[in-house]
């Protein structure tokens, strides 16, 4: 005899699995630590300062 399943619960489980997969993908694409963000901001500020120092004054 076959097992009886509740289709509503199966749909909810499938939706949860899809959302979890999307969240995992977003963590890979957008997830950076605070230290990484601060390091990138410091590097950008240093590069901008370096470029400003080489501009000619009019």
Protein backbone atom coordinates (compact mmCIF):
# COMPACT_ATOMS: atom_id res chain seq x y z
CA UNK A 1 0.00 0.00 0.00
CA UNK A 2 1.29 3.48 -0.87
CA UNK A 3 2.08 6.11 1.71
CA UNK A 4 -0.42 8.92 2.05
CA UNK A 5 1.10 12.36 1.63
CA UNK A 6 -0.32 15.80 2.14
CA UNK A 7 0.20 17.76 -1.08
CA UNK A 8 -0.03 21.10 0.70
CA UNK A 9 2.91 20.17 2.92
CA UNK A 10 4.90 18.93 -0.06
CA UNK A 11 4.35 22.25 -1.85
CA UNK A 12 5.45 24.18 1.25
CA UNK A 13 8.59 22.05 1.60
CA UNK A 14 9.43 22.60 -2.05
CA UNK A 15 8.98 26.37 -1.65
CA UNK A 16 11.20 26.39 1.45
CA UNK A 17 13.90 24.46 -0.38
CA UNK A 18 13.76 26.92 -3.28
CA UNK A 19 14.05 29.91 -0.95
CA UNK A 20 16.98 28.31 0.88
CA UNK A 21 18.76 27.67 -2.42
CA UNK A 22 18.22 31.31 -3.44
CA UNK A 23 19.50 32.52 -0.05
CA UNK A 24 22.63 30.38 -0.40
CA UNK A 25 23.27 31.81 -3.86
CA UNK A 26 22.82 35.38 -2.55
CA UNK A 27 25.24 34.72 0.30
CA UNK A 28 27.86 33.73 -2.25
CA UNK A 29 27.20 36.70 -4.52
CA UNK A 30 26.66 39.51 -2.01
CA UNK A 31 27.94 38.27 1.33
CA UNK A 32 31.07 40.05 2.46
CA UNK A 33 32.31 40.54 5.97
CA UNK A 34 32.52 43.95 7.57
CA UNK A 35 36.32 43.77 7.45
CA UNK A 36 36.26 43.11 3.70
CA UNK A 37 33.96 46.10 3.13
CA UNK A 38 36.17 48.38 5.25
CA UNK A 39 39.32 47.18 3.50
CA UNK A 40 37.82 47.88 0.08
CA UNK A 41 36.68 51.35 1.20
CA UNK A 42 40.17 52.15 2.51
CA UNK A 43 41.78 50.98 -0.73
CA UNK A 44 39.37 53.10 -2.77
CA UNK A 45 40.05 56.17 -0.62
CA UNK A 46 43.80 55.68 -1.01
CA UNK A 47 43.49 55.29 -4.79
CA UNK A 48 41.31 58.42 -5.03
CA UNK A 49 43.84 60.39 -2.97
CA UNK A 50 46.66 59.15 -5.19
CA UNK A 51 44.82 60.21 -8.35
CA UNK A 52 43.94 63.63 -6.88
CA UNK A 53 47.63 64.20 -6.12
CA UNK A 54 48.56 63.74 -9.77
CA UNK A 55 46.02 66.15 -11.24
CA UNK A 56 47.24 69.38 -12.76
CA UNK A 57 45.98 72.61 -11.28
CA UNK A 58 44.62 75.19 -13.66
